[in-house]
Amino acid sequence: MNNIIENINKILQEIPKNVKLVAVSKTKPIEDIKIAYNAGYKIFGENKVQELVNKYETLPKDIEWHMIGHLQTNKVKYIAPFINLIHAVDSKKLLTEINKQAQKNNRKINCLLQIKIAKEDTKFGLSLNDAQEILENKKEFNNITFSGLMGMATNTNNKEQILNEFDQLSHNFKLFKVKYFANDTNFKELSMGMSNDYKLAISQGSTIIRVGSLIFGERIYNIKNF
């Protein structure tokens, strides 16, 4: 299983130093994460709450956990005590619940607003207008640290389309930074790019890439989640 370590190192060597690699461990066993952890890698992403909680409880507590999938409001409470970054905040309702649970846990939770850039109806995300409405009223969310934006490109082989979607998100990130966070150094992350398109994402300014299959191999879909 040394190929897990080799895969991580290969990606780290080819991406810029300012880009964070989230090793997407969803559906993968604890043992696979331990291999990476024991080699010194500590940044992992999950997309299901129960799986994330189970892994958090089992694995060392200095792991930096990222929630990268669609998050339901009724499950926020389970990850609020420990989550490092929530990537996919796709509604004001969800943000309000994260703020509430963060307050209960006496902490501020780092969040990215997910902007819908893909052409697919199955992809989640805020419209630009909805995102701006949230940011116009960001003082309501005292226990949220707005860390940046996240987006998922259309699942297509058309590189030009993917580039255009990433470029669009990068452009809006810069506009939001100037308009709402000119003096806030926390708003700095642009999470875009996965195993099949992270190089394109980096070329358009991504600072966080979410890579799973290129590290751990293809996914296993036999884990039940609540």
C-alpha atoms as a PDB file:
ATOM      1  CA  MET A   1       0.000   0.000   0.000  1.00  0.00           C
ATOM      2  CA  ASN A   2       3.043   2.272  -0.278  1.00  0.00           C
ATOM      3  CA  ASN A   3       1.492   3.530  -3.498  1.00  0.00           C
ATOM      4  CA  ILE A   4      -0.811   5.733  -1.360  1.00  0.00           C
ATOM      5  CA  ILE A   5       2.239   7.561  -0.033  1.00  0.00           C
ATOM      6  CA  GLU A   6       3.823   7.677  -3.481  1.00  0.00           C
ATOM      7  CA  ASN A   7       0.626   9.079  -4.980  1.00  0.00           C
ATOM      8  CA  ILE A   8       0.410  11.844  -2.368  1.00  0.00           C
ATOM      9  CA  ASN A   9       4.061  12.764  -2.799  1.00  0.00           C
ATOM     10  CA  LYS A  10       3.745  12.819  -6.588  1.00  0.00           C
ATOM     11  CA  ILE A  11       0.854  15.290  -6.409  1.00  0.00           C
ATOM     12  CA  LEU A  12       2.584  17.424  -3.775  1.00  0.00           C
ATOM     13  CA  GLN A  13       5.666  17.670  -5.950  1.00  0.00           C
ATOM     14  CA  GLU A  14       3.738  18.882  -8.982  1.00  0.00           C
ATOM     15  CA  ILE A  15       1.458  21.462  -7.364  1.00  0.00           C
ATOM     16  CA  PRO A  16       2.502  24.947  -6.163  1.00  0.00           C
ATOM     17  CA  LYS A  17       3.458  25.325  -2.504  1.00  0.00           C
ATOM     18  CA  ASN A  18       0.481  27.618  -1.855  1.00  0.00           C
ATOM     19  CA  VAL A  19      -2.032  24.950  -2.943  1.00  0.00           C
ATOM     20  CA  LYS A  20      -3.414  22.649  -0.241  1.00  0.00           C
ATOM     21  CA  LEU A  21      -4.080  19.020  -1.111  1.00  0.00           C
ATOM     22  CA  VAL A  22      -7.102  17.478   0.606  1.00  0.00           C
ATOM     23  CA  ALA A  23      -6.768  13.694   0.397  1.00  0.00           C
ATOM     24  CA  VAL A  24     -10.366  12.596  -0.170  1.00  0.00           C
ATOM     25  CA  SER A  25     -10.742   9.437   1.915  1.00  0.00           C
ATOM     26  CA  LYS A  26     -14.495   8.935   1.503  1.00  0.00           C
ATOM     27  CA  THR A  27     -15.508   5.259   1.315  1.00  0.00           C
ATOM     28  CA  LYS A  28     -11.916   4.265   2.116  1.00  0.00           C
ATOM     29  CA  PRO A  29     -11.022   2.173   5.161  1.00  0.00           C
ATOM     30  CA  ILE A  30      -9.315   3.503   8.281  1.00  0.00           C
ATOM     31  CA  GLU A  31      -6.219   1.498   7.356  1.00  0.00           C
ATOM     32  CA  ASP A  32      -5.685   3.506   4.166  1.00  0.00           C
ATOM     33  CA  ILE A  33      -5.835   6.778   6.072  1.00  0.00           C
ATOM     34  CA  LYS A  34      -3.385   5.421   8.655  1.00  0.00           C
ATOM     35  CA  ILE A  35      -0.896   4.644   5.892  1.00  0.00           C
ATOM     36  CA  ALA A  36      -0.954   8.266   4.777  1.00  0.00           C
ATOM     37  CA  TYR A  37      -1.033   9.592   8.355  1.00  0.00           C
ATOM     38  CA  ASN A  38       1.924   7.482   9.461  1.00  0.00           C
ATOM     39  CA  ALA A  39       3.878   8.906   6.531  1.00  0.00           C
ATOM     40  CA  GLY A  40       3.124  12.398   7.802  1.00  0.00           C
ATOM     41  CA  TYR A  41      -0.002  13.404   5.853  1.00  0.00           C
ATOM     42  CA  LYS A  42      -2.824  14.829   7.947  1.00  0.00           C
ATOM     43  CA  ILE A  43      -5.351  16.590   5.686  1.00  0.00           C
ATOM     44  CA  PHE A  44      -8.358  14.453   4.743  1.00  0.00           C
ATOM     45  CA  GLY A  45     -11.776  15.080   3.227  1.00  0.00           C
ATOM     46  CA  GLU A  46     -15.066  13.225   3.684  1.00  0.00           C
ATOM     47  CA  ASN A  47     -18.514  13.718   2.179  1.00  0.00           C
ATOM     48  CA  LYS A  48     -20.743  11.719   4.555  1.00  0.00           C
ATOM     49  CA  VAL A  49     -21.305  12.767   8.146  1.00  0.00           C
ATOM     50  CA  GLN A  50     -21.442   9.362   9.836  1.00  0.00           C
ATOM     51  CA  GLU A  51     -18.325   8.167   8.050  1.00  0.00           C
ATOM     52  CA  LEU A  52     -16.533  11.382   8.985  1.00  0.00           C
ATOM     53  CA  VAL A  53     -17.554  11.109  12.653  1.00  0.00           C
ATOM     54  CA  ASN A  54     -16.553   7.451  12.831  1.00  0.00           C
ATOM     55  CA  LYS A  55     -13.142   8.191  11.381  1.00  0.00           C
ATOM     56  CA  TYR A  56     -12.640  11.228  13.609  1.00  0.00           C
ATOM     57  CA  GLU A  57     -13.400   9.149  16.702  1.00  0.00           C
ATOM     58  CA  THR A  58     -11.053   6.336  15.636  1.00  0.00           C
ATOM     59  CA  LEU A  59      -8.078   8.239  14.247  1.00  0.00           C
ATOM     60  CA  PRO A  60      -5.555  10.650  15.864  1.00  0.00           C
ATOM     61  CA  LYS A  61      -6.949  14.024  16.827  1.00  0.00           C
ATOM     62  CA  ASP A  62      -4.355  16.134  15.022  1.00  0.00           C
ATOM     63  CA  ILE A  63      -5.894  15.248  11.643  1.00  0.00           C
ATOM     64  CA  GLU A  64      -7.317  18.234   9.751  1.00  0.00           C
ATOM     65  CA  TRP A  65     -10.788  17.148   8.630  1.00  0.00           C
ATOM     66  CA  HIS A  66     -12.612  18.767   5.708  1.00  0.00           C
ATOM     67  CA  MET A  67     -16.310  18.218   5.009  1.00  0.00           C
ATOM     68  CA  ILE A  68     -16.453  18.353   1.217  1.00  0.00           C
ATOM     69  CA  GLY A  69     -19.890  16.952   0.409  1.00  0.00           C
ATOM     70  CA  HIS A  70     -23.441  18.263   0.553  1.00  0.00           C
ATOM     71  CA  LEU A  71     -24.259  18.823   4.223  1.00  0.00           C
ATOM     72  CA  GLN A  72     -27.781  18.555   5.619  1.00  0.00           C
ATOM     73  CA  THR A  73     -28.701  21.002   8.366  1.00  0.00           C
ATOM     74  CA  ASN A  74     -29.806  18.261  10.792  1.00  0.00           C
ATOM     75  CA  LYS A  75     -26.324  16.711  10.694  1.00  0.00           C
ATOM     76  CA  VAL A  76     -24.230  19.801  11.359  1.00  0.00           C
ATOM     77  CA  LYS A  77     -24.277  19.168  15.121  1.00  0.00           C
ATOM     78  CA  TYR A  78     -22.304  15.936  14.713  1.00  0.00           C
ATOM     79  CA  ILE A  79     -19.277  17.572  13.099  1.00  0.00           C
ATOM     80  CA  ALA A  80     -19.433  21.044  14.658  1.00  0.00           C
ATOM     81  CA  PRO A  81     -17.117  20.187  17.582  1.00  0.00           C
ATOM     82  CA  PHE A  82     -14.124  19.280  15.428  1.00  0.00           C
ATOM     83  CA  ILE A  83     -14.462  20.085  11.717  1.00  0.00           C
ATOM     84  CA  ASN A  84     -11.672  22.228  10.284  1.00  0.00           C
ATOM     85  CA  LEU A  85     -13.343  23.451   7.101  1.00  0.00           C
ATOM     86  CA  ILE A  86     -16.798  23.009   5.566  1.00  0.00           C
ATOM     87  CA  HIS A  87     -16.451  23.351   1.790  1.00  0.00           C
ATOM     88  CA  ALA A  88     -20.012  23.124   0.551  1.00  0.00           C
ATOM     89  CA  VAL A  89     -22.153  25.780   2.232  1.00  0.00           C
ATOM     90  CA  ASP A  90     -24.934  25.987  -0.331  1.00  0.00           C
ATOM     91  CA  SER A  91     -27.741  27.831   1.491  1.00  0.00           C
ATOM     92  CA  LYS A  92     -28.343  30.520   4.077  1.00  0.00           C
ATOM     93  CA  LYS A  93     -30.332  27.973   6.093  1.00  0.00           C
ATOM     94  CA  LEU A  94     -27.285  25.712   6.331  1.00  0.00           C
ATOM     95  CA  LEU A  95     -24.993  28.603   7.243  1.00  0.00           C
ATOM     96  CA  THR A  96     -27.403  29.668   9.993  1.00  0.00           C
ATOM     97  CA  GLU A  97     -27.322  26.160  11.474  1.00  0.00           C
ATOM     98  CA  ILE A  98     -23.520  25.983  11.298  1.00  0.00           C
ATOM     99  CA  ASN A  99     -23.350  29.316  13.099  1.00  0.00           C
ATOM    100  CA  LYS A 100     -25.751  28.045  15.776  1.00  0.00           C
ATOM    101  CA  GLN A 101     -23.812  24.816  16.343  1.00  0.00           C
ATOM    102  CA  ALA A 102     -20.472  26.643  16.345  1.00  0.00           C
ATOM    103  CA  GLN A 103     -21.802  28.934  19.070  1.00  0.00           C
ATOM    104  CA  LYS A 104     -22.914  25.900  21.105  1.00  0.00           C
ATOM    105  CA  ASN A 105     -19.388  24.520  20.836  1.00  0.00           C
ATOM    106  CA  ASN A 106     -17.797  27.873  21.674  1.00  0.00           C
ATOM    107  CA  ARG A 107     -15.835  28.027  18.439  1.00  0.00           C
ATOM    108  CA  LYS A 108     -15.780  29.635  15.016  1.00  0.00           C
ATOM    109  CA  ILE A 109     -16.135  27.291  12.074  1.00  0.00           C
ATOM    110  CA  ASN A 110     -14.322  27.917   8.797  1.00  0.00           C
ATOM    111  CA  CYS A 111     -16.691  27.834   5.829  1.00  0.00           C
ATOM    112  CA  LEU A 112     -16.551  28.157   2.062  1.00  0.00           C
ATOM    113  CA  LEU A 113     -19.571  29.323   0.110  1.00  0.00           C
ATOM    114  CA  GLN A 114     -20.272  26.839  -2.677  1.00  0.00           C
ATOM    115  CA  ILE A 115     -21.106  28.643  -5.906  1.00  0.00           C
ATOM    116  CA  LYS A 116     -22.926  26.701  -8.626  1.00  0.00           C
ATOM    117  CA  ILE A 117     -20.741  26.894 -11.714  1.00  0.00           C
ATOM    118  CA  ALA A 118     -21.569  23.562 -13.371  1.00  0.00           C
ATOM    119  CA  LYS A 119     -24.240  23.171 -16.017  1.00  0.00           C
ATOM    120  CA  GLU A 120     -25.563  19.985 -14.369  1.00  0.00           C
ATOM    121  CA  ASP A 121     -28.784  20.184 -12.348  1.00  0.00           C
ATOM    122  CA  THR A 122     -27.450  17.541  -9.960  1.00  0.00           C
ATOM    123  CA  LYS A 123     -24.730  19.861  -8.652  1.00  0.00           C
ATOM    124  CA  PHE A 124     -25.466  21.977  -5.577  1.00  0.00           C
ATOM    125  CA  GLY A 125     -24.462  25.576  -4.998  1.00  0.00           C
ATOM    126  CA  LEU A 126     -25.528  29.132  -4.380  1.00  0.00           C
ATOM    127  CA  SER A 127     -26.308  31.573  -7.144  1.00  0.00           C
ATOM    128  CA  LEU A 128     -24.130  34.676  -7.156  1.00  0.00           C
ATOM    129  CA  ASN A 129     -27.098  36.731  -5.979  1.00  0.00           C
ATOM    130  CA  ASP A 130     -27.726  34.403  -3.029  1.00  0.00           C
ATOM    131  CA  ALA A 131     -24.049  34.448  -2.084  1.00  0.00           C
ATOM    132  CA  GLN A 132     -23.968  38.237  -2.205  1.00  0.00           C
ATOM    133  CA  GLU A 133     -27.088  38.433  -0.060  1.00  0.00           C
ATOM    134  CA  ILE A 134     -25.370  36.293   2.570  1.00  0.00           C
ATOM    135  CA  LEU A 135     -22.220  38.403   2.472  1.00  0.00           C
ATOM    136  CA  GLU A 136     -24.165  41.654   2.674  1.00  0.00           C
ATOM    137  CA  ASN A 137     -25.392  40.349   6.028  1.00  0.00           C
ATOM    138  CA  LYS A 138     -22.273  38.467   7.132  1.00  0.00           C
ATOM    139  CA  LYS A 139     -22.215  40.175  10.530  1.00  0.00           C
ATOM    140  CA  GLU A 140     -25.202  37.992  11.465  1.00  0.00           C
ATOM    141  CA  PHE A 141     -22.842  35.006  11.531  1.00  0.00           C
ATOM    142  CA  ASN A 142     -20.586  35.712  14.496  1.00  0.00           C
ATOM    143  CA  ASN A 143     -19.357  32.127  14.756  1.00  0.00           C
ATOM    144  CA  ILE A 144     -18.510  31.690  11.083  1.00  0.00           C
ATOM    145  CA  THR A 145     -15.160  32.460   9.498  1.00  0.00           C
ATOM    146  CA  PHE A 146     -15.757  33.075   5.812  1.00  0.00           C
ATOM    147  CA  SER A 147     -12.676  31.447   4.300  1.00  0.00           C
ATOM    148  CA  GLY A 148     -13.469  31.691   0.596  1.00  0.00           C
ATOM    149  CA  LEU A 149     -15.418  29.997  -2.185  1.00  0.00           C
ATOM    150  CA  MET A 150     -15.822  26.462  -3.518  1.00  0.00           C
ATOM    151  CA  GLY A 151     -17.082  25.144  -6.832  1.00  0.00           C
ATOM    152  CA  MET A 152     -17.419  21.967  -8.885  1.00  0.00           C
ATOM    153  CA  ALA A 153     -17.032  22.062 -12.634  1.00  0.00           C
ATOM    154  CA  THR A 154     -19.279  20.196 -15.025  1.00  0.00           C
ATOM    155  CA  ASN A 155     -18.365  16.520 -15.440  1.00  0.00           C
ATOM    156  CA  THR A 156     -17.273  16.724 -19.051  1.00  0.00           C
ATOM    157  CA  ASN A 157     -14.271  16.038 -21.285  1.00  0.00           C
ATOM    158  CA  ASN A 158     -14.572  19.562 -22.686  1.00  0.00           C
ATOM    159  CA  LYS A 159     -11.511  21.244 -21.151  1.00  0.00           C
ATOM    160  CA  GLU A 160     -12.510  24.635 -22.467  1.00  0.00           C
ATOM    161  CA  GLN A 161     -15.827  24.465 -20.619  1.00  0.00           C
ATOM    162  CA  ILE A 162     -14.118  23.375 -17.394  1.00  0.00           C
ATOM    163  CA  LEU A 163     -11.564  26.187 -17.711  1.00  0.00           C
ATOM    164  CA  ASN A 164     -14.319  28.718 -18.301  1.00  0.00           C
ATOM    165  CA  GLU A 165     -16.228  27.559 -15.227  1.00  0.00           C
ATOM    166  CA  PHE A 166     -13.136  27.708 -13.024  1.00  0.00           C
ATOM    167  CA  ASP A 167     -12.240  31.112 -14.463  1.00  0.00           C
ATOM    168  CA  GLN A 168     -15.735  32.364 -13.683  1.00  0.00           C
ATOM    169  CA  LEU A 169     -15.436  31.243 -10.049  1.00  0.00           C
ATOM    170  CA  SER A 170     -11.953  32.726  -9.729  1.00  0.00           C
ATOM    171  CA  HIS A 171     -13.214  36.038 -11.111  1.00  0.00           C
ATOM    172  CA  ASN A 172     -16.084  36.134  -8.611  1.00  0.00           C
ATOM    173  CA  PHE A 173     -13.744  35.193  -5.769  1.00  0.00           C
ATOM    174  CA  LYS A 174     -11.643  38.278  -6.565  1.00  0.00           C
ATOM    175  CA  LEU A 175     -14.722  40.486  -6.772  1.00  0.00           C
ATOM    176  CA  PHE A 176     -16.036  39.212  -3.417  1.00  0.00           C
ATOM    177  CA  LYS A 177     -12.613  39.686  -1.853  1.00  0.00           C
ATOM    178  CA  VAL A 178     -12.510  43.344  -2.861  1.00  0.00           C
ATOM    179  CA  LYS A 179     -16.154  44.061  -2.053  1.00  0.00           C
ATOM    180  CA  TYR A 180     -16.632  42.203   1.224  1.00  0.00           C
ATOM    181  CA  PHE A 181     -13.233  41.151   2.613  1.00  0.00           C
ATOM    182  CA  ALA A 182     -10.741  43.818   1.608  1.00  0.00           C
ATOM    183  CA  ASN A 183      -9.305  43.920   5.145  1.00  0.00           C
ATOM    184  CA  ASP A 184      -9.964  40.295   6.090  1.00  0.00           C
ATOM    185  CA  THR A 185      -7.037  37.929   5.548  1.00  0.00           C
ATOM    186  CA  ASN A 186      -9.199  34.891   6.365  1.00  0.00           C
ATOM    187  CA  PHE A 187     -11.021  35.085   3.030  1.00  0.00           C
ATOM    188  CA  LYS A 188      -8.272  33.539   0.924  1.00  0.00           C
ATOM    189  CA  GLU A 189      -9.281  30.039  -0.210  1.00  0.00           C
ATOM    190  CA  LEU A 190     -10.613  28.948  -3.573  1.00  0.00           C
ATOM    191  CA  SER A 191     -11.505  25.261  -3.421  1.00  0.00           C
ATOM    192  CA  MET A 192     -11.832  23.848  -6.914  1.00  0.00           C
ATOM    193  CA  GLY A 193     -10.366  20.899  -8.727  1.00  0.00           C
ATOM    194  CA  MET A 194     -10.582  17.137  -8.218  1.00  0.00           C
ATOM    195  CA  SER A 195      -8.679  14.103  -9.534  1.00  0.00           C
ATOM    196  CA  ASN A 196      -9.694  14.665 -13.152  1.00  0.00           C
ATOM    197  CA  ASP A 197      -9.377  18.457 -13.361  1.00  0.00           C
ATOM    198  CA  TYR A 198      -7.179  19.788 -10.544  1.00  0.00           C
ATOM    199  CA  LYS A 199      -4.417  20.953 -12.906  1.00  0.00           C
ATOM    200  CA  LEU A 200      -6.930  23.066 -14.803  1.00  0.00           C
ATOM    201  CA  ALA A 201      -8.248  24.418 -11.496  1.00  0.00           C
ATOM    202  CA  ILE A 202      -4.781  25.400 -10.305  1.00  0.00           C
ATOM    203  CA  SER A 203      -4.173  27.228 -13.581  1.00  0.00           C
ATOM    204  CA  GLN A 204      -7.224  29.364 -12.727  1.00  0.00           C
ATOM    205  CA  GLY A 205      -6.180  30.177  -9.172  1.00  0.00           C
ATOM    206  CA  SER A 206      -7.329  27.266  -7.006  1.00  0.00           C
ATOM    207  CA  THR A 207      -5.742  27.166  -3.532  1.00  0.00           C
ATOM    208  CA  ILE A 208      -7.341  23.867  -2.397  1.00  0.00           C
ATOM    209  CA  ILE A 209      -7.713  20.718  -4.483  1.00  0.00           C
ATOM    210  CA  ARG A 210      -9.789  17.692  -3.455  1.00  0.00           C
ATOM    211  CA  VAL A 211      -8.177  14.493  -4.747  1.00  0.00           C
ATOM    212  CA  GLY A 212      -9.370  10.976  -3.961  1.00  0.00           C
ATOM    213  CA  SER A 213      -9.071   8.301  -6.644  1.00  0.00           C
ATOM    214  CA  LEU A 214      -5.581   9.378  -7.740  1.00  0.00           C
ATOM    215  CA  ILE A 215      -4.424   8.765  -4.157  1.00  0.00           C
ATOM    216  CA  PHE A 216      -6.502   5.879  -2.825  1.00  0.00           C
ATOM    217  CA  GLY A 217      -7.788   4.248  -6.019  1.00  0.00           C
ATOM    218  CA  GLU A 218     -11.393   3.974  -7.110  1.00  0.00           C
ATOM    219  CA  ARG A 219     -14.143   4.423  -4.532  1.00  0.00           C
ATOM    220  CA  ILE A 220     -15.928   1.663  -2.640  1.00  0.00           C
ATOM    221  CA  TYR A 221     -19.687   2.169  -2.238  1.00  0.00           C
ATOM    222  CA  ASN A 222     -20.703  -0.130   0.580  1.00  0.00           C
ATOM    223  CA  ILE A 223     -20.669   2.170   3.605  1.00  0.00           C
ATOM    224  CA  LYS A 224     -24.026   3.031   5.142  1.00  0.00           C
ATOM    225  CA  ASN A 225     -24.619   6.570   6.335  1.00  0.00           C
ATOM    226  CA  PHE A 226     -27.326   8.165   8.399  1.00  0.00           C
END
